[in-house]
Amino acid sequence: MKIIVSKEPNYTLFELNGNLDLIASEIFEKNVEAIISEEAVNLLIDFTNVDFVNSAGLRGLFIASNKLKLTNGKLVIFSLQPQVNEIFIITGFNQALNVLDTKAEAIESI
């Protein structure tokens, strides 16, 4: 998993590349901790290049969302691949987390 981090005035963008599995979720969670410590409160996550997510990855997203809520922040996920979207639907994470179709919608939602 590769994470490209871009900081904008109102949000931080994570562009994920690869699978969000056990090892990647640990890296993801460390990156989230880093942006929260820098007082960034809105996190947008681009899933365009994520082909697979497992329970560890979903757990990492849920933890990140809860941590950001504690700082009055928001986590927004967008551009899910069809197979990843199916996992989100089956697990209910499409309703538990903010999941949108496009980056423009994600930016508008914060």
N, C-alpha and C. Protein backbone atom coordinates (compact mmCIF):
# COMPACT_ATOMS: atom_id res chain seq x y z
N MET A 1 0.85 -1.18 0.00
CA MET A 1 0.00 0.00 0.00
C MET A 1 0.88 1.23 0.00
N LYS A 2 0.58 2.11 -0.90
CA LYS A 2 1.25 3.39 -0.97
C LYS A 2 0.20 4.46 -0.68
N ILE A 3 0.56 5.44 0.14
CA ILE A 3 -0.35 6.53 0.47
C ILE A 3 0.31 7.83 0.07
N ILE A 4 -0.34 8.54 -0.83
CA ILE A 4 0.13 9.86 -1.23
C ILE A 4 -0.71 10.87 -0.44
N VAL A 5 -0.04 11.73 0.32
CA VAL A 5 -0.71 12.69 1.18
C VAL A 5 -0.59 14.08 0.58
N SER A 6 -1.74 14.75 0.42
CA SER A 6 -1.77 16.13 -0.07
C SER A 6 -2.54 16.97 0.94
N LYS A 7 -1.96 18.08 1.34
CA LYS A 7 -2.62 18.95 2.31
C LYS A 7 -3.19 20.17 1.60
N GLU A 8 -4.46 20.37 1.80
CA GLU A 8 -5.18 21.51 1.24
C GLU A 8 -5.65 22.37 2.41
N PRO A 9 -6.11 23.59 2.15
CA PRO A 9 -6.53 24.46 3.27
C PRO A 9 -7.62 23.86 4.17
N ASN A 10 -8.60 23.17 3.60
CA ASN A 10 -9.73 22.68 4.39
C ASN A 10 -9.71 21.19 4.67
N TYR A 11 -8.75 20.48 4.10
CA TYR A 11 -8.73 19.03 4.27
C TYR A 11 -7.35 18.47 3.91
N THR A 12 -7.16 17.22 4.31
CA THR A 12 -5.99 16.44 3.88
C THR A 12 -6.53 15.32 3.00
N LEU A 13 -5.85 15.06 1.90
CA LEU A 13 -6.26 14.01 0.97
C LEU A 13 -5.26 12.86 1.04
N PHE A 14 -5.80 11.66 1.23
CA PHE A 14 -5.00 10.44 1.13
C PHE A 14 -5.40 9.76 -0.17
N GLU A 15 -4.43 9.57 -1.06
CA GLU A 15 -4.66 8.75 -2.26
C GLU A 15 -4.05 7.39 -1.98
N LEU A 16 -4.90 6.39 -1.85
CA LEU A 16 -4.44 5.04 -1.54
C LEU A 16 -4.18 4.28 -2.83
N ASN A 17 -3.09 3.53 -2.84
CA ASN A 17 -2.73 2.71 -3.99
C ASN A 17 -2.34 1.33 -3.49
N GLY A 18 -3.16 0.32 -3.83
CA GLY A 18 -2.89 -1.03 -3.39
C GLY A 18 -4.06 -1.59 -2.61
N ASN A 19 -3.80 -2.63 -1.84
CA ASN A 19 -4.82 -3.28 -1.03
C ASN A 19 -4.80 -2.74 0.38
N LEU A 20 -5.98 -2.53 0.95
CA LEU A 20 -6.08 -2.08 2.33
C LEU A 20 -6.33 -3.32 3.20
N ASP A 21 -5.21 -3.95 3.60
CA ASP A 21 -5.27 -5.18 4.38
C ASP A 21 -4.61 -4.94 5.74
N LEU A 22 -4.26 -6.01 6.44
CA LEU A 22 -3.72 -5.90 7.79
C LEU A 22 -2.49 -5.00 7.86
N ILE A 23 -1.51 -5.27 7.04
CA ILE A 23 -0.27 -4.49 7.08
C ILE A 23 -0.53 -3.06 6.63
N ALA A 24 -1.29 -2.89 5.56
CA ALA A 24 -1.58 -1.56 5.05
C ALA A 24 -2.41 -0.75 6.05
N SER A 25 -3.31 -1.41 6.78
CA SER A 25 -4.14 -0.67 7.73
C SER A 25 -3.29 -0.10 8.86
N GLU A 26 -2.22 -0.79 9.24
CA GLU A 26 -1.31 -0.26 10.26
C GLU A 26 -0.63 1.00 9.76
N ILE A 27 -0.19 0.98 8.52
CA ILE A 27 0.44 2.16 7.90
C ILE A 27 -0.58 3.29 7.81
N PHE A 28 -1.79 2.95 7.39
CA PHE A 28 -2.87 3.93 7.27
C PHE A 28 -3.14 4.59 8.62
N GLU A 29 -3.28 3.79 9.67
CA GLU A 29 -3.58 4.33 10.99
C GLU A 29 -2.47 5.25 11.49
N LYS A 30 -1.21 4.93 11.21
CA LYS A 30 -0.10 5.81 11.60
C LYS A 30 -0.18 7.15 10.86
N ASN A 31 -0.55 7.11 9.59
CA ASN A 31 -0.71 8.34 8.82
C ASN A 31 -1.86 9.18 9.37
N VAL A 32 -2.95 8.54 9.77
CA VAL A 32 -4.08 9.26 10.35
C VAL A 32 -3.65 9.94 11.65
N GLU A 33 -2.95 9.20 12.50
CA GLU A 33 -2.46 9.77 13.76
C GLU A 33 -1.60 11.01 13.49
N ALA A 34 -0.77 10.94 12.47
CA ALA A 34 0.11 12.06 12.13
C ALA A 34 -0.69 13.29 11.72
N ILE A 35 -1.72 13.12 10.91
CA ILE A 35 -2.47 14.31 10.49
C ILE A 35 -3.31 14.87 11.62
N ILE A 36 -3.80 13.99 12.50
CA ILE A 36 -4.56 14.49 13.65
C ILE A 36 -3.64 15.29 14.57
N SER A 37 -2.41 14.82 14.75
CA SER A 37 -1.46 15.54 15.60
C SER A 37 -1.08 16.89 15.01
N GLU A 38 -1.22 17.03 13.70
CA GLU A 38 -0.95 18.30 13.03
C GLU A 38 -2.20 19.18 12.99
N GLU A 39 -3.24 18.73 13.68
CA GLU A 39 -4.51 19.44 13.80
C GLU A 39 -5.31 19.51 12.50
N ALA A 40 -5.04 18.62 11.58
CA ALA A 40 -5.90 18.52 10.40
C ALA A 40 -7.14 17.75 10.82
N VAL A 41 -8.31 18.26 10.49
CA VAL A 41 -9.51 17.62 11.00
C VAL A 41 -10.38 16.96 9.93
N ASN A 42 -10.20 17.30 8.69
CA ASN A 42 -10.99 16.69 7.62
C ASN A 42 -10.07 15.84 6.74
N LEU A 43 -10.46 14.60 6.57
CA LEU A 43 -9.65 13.67 5.79
C LEU A 43 -10.49 13.10 4.66
N LEU A 44 -10.05 13.31 3.44
CA LEU A 44 -10.67 12.71 2.27
C LEU A 44 -9.79 11.57 1.81
N ILE A 45 -10.42 10.42 1.49
CA ILE A 45 -9.65 9.25 1.10
C ILE A 45 -10.10 8.80 -0.29
N ASP A 46 -9.16 8.84 -1.21
CA ASP A 46 -9.41 8.44 -2.60
C ASP A 46 -9.14 6.95 -2.76
N PHE A 47 -10.19 6.20 -3.08
CA PHE A 47 -10.10 4.75 -3.23
C PHE A 47 -9.99 4.33 -4.71
N THR A 48 -9.70 5.25 -5.61
CA THR A 48 -9.63 4.94 -7.03
C THR A 48 -8.73 3.74 -7.32
N ASN A 49 -7.60 3.67 -6.63
CA ASN A 49 -6.62 2.62 -6.91
C ASN A 49 -6.55 1.55 -5.83
N VAL A 50 -7.67 1.33 -5.14
CA VAL A 50 -7.75 0.27 -4.13
C VAL A 50 -8.61 -0.85 -4.71
N ASP A 51 -8.01 -2.02 -4.84
CA ASP A 51 -8.71 -3.16 -5.43
C ASP A 51 -9.30 -4.11 -4.41
N PHE A 52 -8.84 -4.00 -3.16
CA PHE A 52 -9.28 -4.95 -2.14
C PHE A 52 -9.19 -4.30 -0.77
N VAL A 53 -10.17 -4.59 0.07
CA VAL A 53 -10.13 -4.17 1.47
C VAL A 53 -10.65 -5.33 2.32
N ASN A 54 -9.96 -5.62 3.43
CA ASN A 54 -10.43 -6.69 4.30
C ASN A 54 -10.90 -6.10 5.63
N SER A 55 -11.21 -6.96 6.58
CA SER A 55 -11.76 -6.49 7.86
C SER A 55 -10.78 -5.59 8.61
N ALA A 56 -9.50 -5.85 8.50
CA ALA A 56 -8.51 -4.98 9.16
C ALA A 56 -8.53 -3.59 8.54
N GLY A 57 -8.67 -3.52 7.23
CA GLY A 57 -8.76 -2.23 6.55
C GLY A 57 -10.02 -1.48 6.94
N LEU A 58 -11.14 -2.19 7.01
CA LEU A 58 -12.40 -1.56 7.42
C LEU A 58 -12.30 -1.05 8.85
N ARG A 59 -11.68 -1.85 9.70
CA ARG A 59 -11.48 -1.45 11.10
C ARG A 59 -10.66 -0.16 11.17
N GLY A 60 -9.59 -0.09 10.38
CA GLY A 60 -8.76 1.11 10.36
C GLY A 60 -9.53 2.34 9.93
N LEU A 61 -10.40 2.19 8.95
CA LEU A 61 -11.22 3.31 8.49
C LEU A 61 -12.19 3.75 9.58
N PHE A 62 -12.80 2.77 10.25
CA PHE A 62 -13.77 3.08 11.30
C PHE A 62 -13.09 3.79 12.47
N ILE A 63 -11.91 3.32 12.87
CA ILE A 63 -11.16 3.96 13.95
C ILE A 63 -10.79 5.39 13.56
N ALA A 64 -10.32 5.56 12.33
CA ALA A 64 -9.94 6.90 11.86
C ALA A 64 -11.15 7.84 11.90
N SER A 65 -12.29 7.35 11.44
CA SER A 65 -13.50 8.16 11.45
C SER A 65 -13.85 8.60 12.86
N ASN A 66 -13.79 7.68 13.80
CA ASN A 66 -14.13 8.00 15.19
C ASN A 66 -13.14 8.99 15.80
N LYS A 67 -11.86 8.83 15.50
CA LYS A 67 -10.85 9.76 16.03
C LYS A 67 -11.06 11.16 15.47
N LEU A 68 -11.39 11.24 14.20
CA LEU A 68 -11.63 12.55 13.59
C LEU A 68 -12.89 13.20 14.16
N LYS A 69 -13.91 12.41 14.45
CA LYS A 69 -15.13 12.96 15.05
C LYS A 69 -14.83 13.59 16.40
N LEU A 70 -13.89 13.02 17.15
CA LEU A 70 -13.52 13.58 18.45
C LEU A 70 -12.89 14.97 18.32
N THR A 71 -12.34 15.28 17.16
CA THR A 71 -11.75 16.60 16.91
C THR A 71 -12.68 17.47 16.07
N ASN A 72 -13.96 17.07 16.01
CA ASN A 72 -14.97 17.75 15.18
C ASN A 72 -14.60 17.69 13.71
N GLY A 73 -13.88 16.66 13.34
CA GLY A 73 -13.48 16.48 11.95
C GLY A 73 -14.37 15.48 11.24
N LYS A 74 -14.00 15.22 10.01
CA LYS A 74 -14.82 14.36 9.17
C LYS A 74 -13.92 13.52 8.27
N LEU A 75 -14.29 12.26 8.10
CA LEU A 75 -13.63 11.37 7.17
C LEU A 75 -14.59 11.10 6.02
N VAL A 76 -14.14 11.30 4.80
CA VAL A 76 -14.97 11.06 3.63
C VAL A 76 -14.19 10.19 2.65
N ILE A 77 -14.83 9.12 2.21
CA ILE A 77 -14.23 8.17 1.28
C ILE A 77 -14.92 8.35 -0.07
N PHE A 78 -14.14 8.28 -1.16
CA PHE A 78 -14.76 8.43 -2.47
C PHE A 78 -14.06 7.58 -3.52
N SER A 79 -14.75 7.39 -4.63
CA SER A 79 -14.26 6.66 -5.81
C SER A 79 -13.95 5.19 -5.52
N LEU A 80 -14.91 4.51 -4.89
CA LEU A 80 -14.73 3.08 -4.63
C LEU A 80 -14.82 2.28 -5.92
N GLN A 81 -13.94 1.32 -6.09
CA GLN A 81 -14.03 0.36 -7.19
C GLN A 81 -15.24 -0.55 -6.93
N PRO A 82 -15.86 -1.09 -7.97
CA PRO A 82 -17.07 -1.91 -7.78
C PRO A 82 -16.91 -3.05 -6.77
N GLN A 83 -15.79 -3.76 -6.82
CA GLN A 83 -15.60 -4.88 -5.90
C GLN A 83 -15.41 -4.41 -4.46
N VAL A 84 -14.82 -3.24 -4.28
CA VAL A 84 -14.64 -2.67 -2.94
C VAL A 84 -15.98 -2.12 -2.45
N ASN A 85 -16.72 -1.48 -3.34
CA ASN A 85 -18.03 -0.96 -2.99
C ASN A 85 -18.94 -2.09 -2.51
N GLU A 86 -18.85 -3.24 -3.16
CA GLU A 86 -19.65 -4.40 -2.76
C GLU A 86 -19.32 -4.82 -1.32
N ILE A 87 -18.04 -4.80 -0.96
CA ILE A 87 -17.63 -5.13 0.41
C ILE A 87 -18.23 -4.12 1.39
N PHE A 88 -18.18 -2.84 1.03
CA PHE A 88 -18.75 -1.80 1.89
C PHE A 88 -20.25 -2.02 2.07
N ILE A 89 -20.95 -2.38 1.01
CA ILE A 89 -22.40 -2.60 1.09
C ILE A 89 -22.71 -3.82 1.95
N ILE A 90 -22.02 -4.93 1.71
CA ILE A 90 -22.27 -6.17 2.46
C ILE A 90 -22.04 -5.97 3.95
N THR A 91 -21.00 -5.22 4.30
CA THR A 91 -20.66 -5.01 5.71
C THR A 91 -21.41 -3.86 6.36
N GLY A 92 -22.08 -3.04 5.55
CA GLY A 92 -22.80 -1.88 6.08
C GLY A 92 -21.93 -0.66 6.27
N PHE A 93 -20.67 -0.75 5.86
CA PHE A 93 -19.77 0.39 6.03
C PHE A 93 -20.13 1.55 5.10
N ASN A 94 -20.88 1.27 4.05
CA ASN A 94 -21.33 2.35 3.17
C ASN A 94 -22.30 3.28 3.91
N GLN A 95 -22.91 2.80 4.99
CA GLN A 95 -23.81 3.63 5.77
C GLN A 95 -23.15 4.11 7.07
N ALA A 96 -22.19 3.34 7.57
CA ALA A 96 -21.50 3.71 8.81
C ALA A 96 -20.48 4.83 8.58
N LEU A 97 -19.96 4.92 7.36
CA LEU A 97 -18.97 5.93 7.00
C LEU A 97 -19.51 6.82 5.89
N ASN A 98 -18.88 7.97 5.71
CA ASN A 98 -19.27 8.87 4.62
C ASN A 98 -18.61 8.38 3.34
N VAL A 99 -19.41 7.79 2.45
CA VAL A 99 -18.90 7.25 1.19
C VAL A 99 -19.62 7.96 0.05
N LEU A 100 -18.83 8.62 -0.81
CA LEU A 100 -19.38 9.36 -1.93
C LEU A 100 -18.74 8.88 -3.23
N ASP A 101 -19.33 9.31 -4.34
CA ASP A 101 -18.86 8.85 -5.64
C ASP A 101 -17.62 9.57 -6.16
N THR A 102 -17.56 10.88 -5.97
CA THR A 102 -16.49 11.65 -6.61
C THR A 102 -15.74 12.54 -5.60
N LYS A 103 -14.57 12.98 -6.03
CA LYS A 103 -13.78 13.90 -5.22
C LYS A 103 -14.53 15.22 -5.03
N ALA A 104 -15.18 15.69 -6.07
CA ALA A 104 -15.93 16.95 -5.97
C ALA A 104 -17.02 16.85 -4.91
N GLU A 105 -17.73 15.73 -4.88
CA GLU A 105 -18.76 15.53 -3.86
C GLU A 105 -18.14 15.47 -2.46
N ALA A 106 -16.99 14.83 -2.36
CA ALA A 106 -16.31 14.71 -1.07
C ALA A 106 -15.89 16.07 -0.55
N ILE A 107 -15.31 16.89 -1.42
CA ILE A 107 -14.89 18.23 -1.03
C ILE A 107 -16.09 19.06 -0.61
N GLU A 108 -17.17 18.97 -1.36
CA GLU A 108 -18.37 19.74 -1.06
C GLU A 108 -18.99 19.33 0.28
N SER A 109 -18.78 18.08 0.69
CA SER A 109 -19.42 17.58 1.91
C SER A 109 -18.74 18.04 3.21
N ILE A 110 -17.53 18.60 3.09
CA ILE A 110 -16.84 19.01 4.33
C ILE A 110 -17.13 20.44 4.71
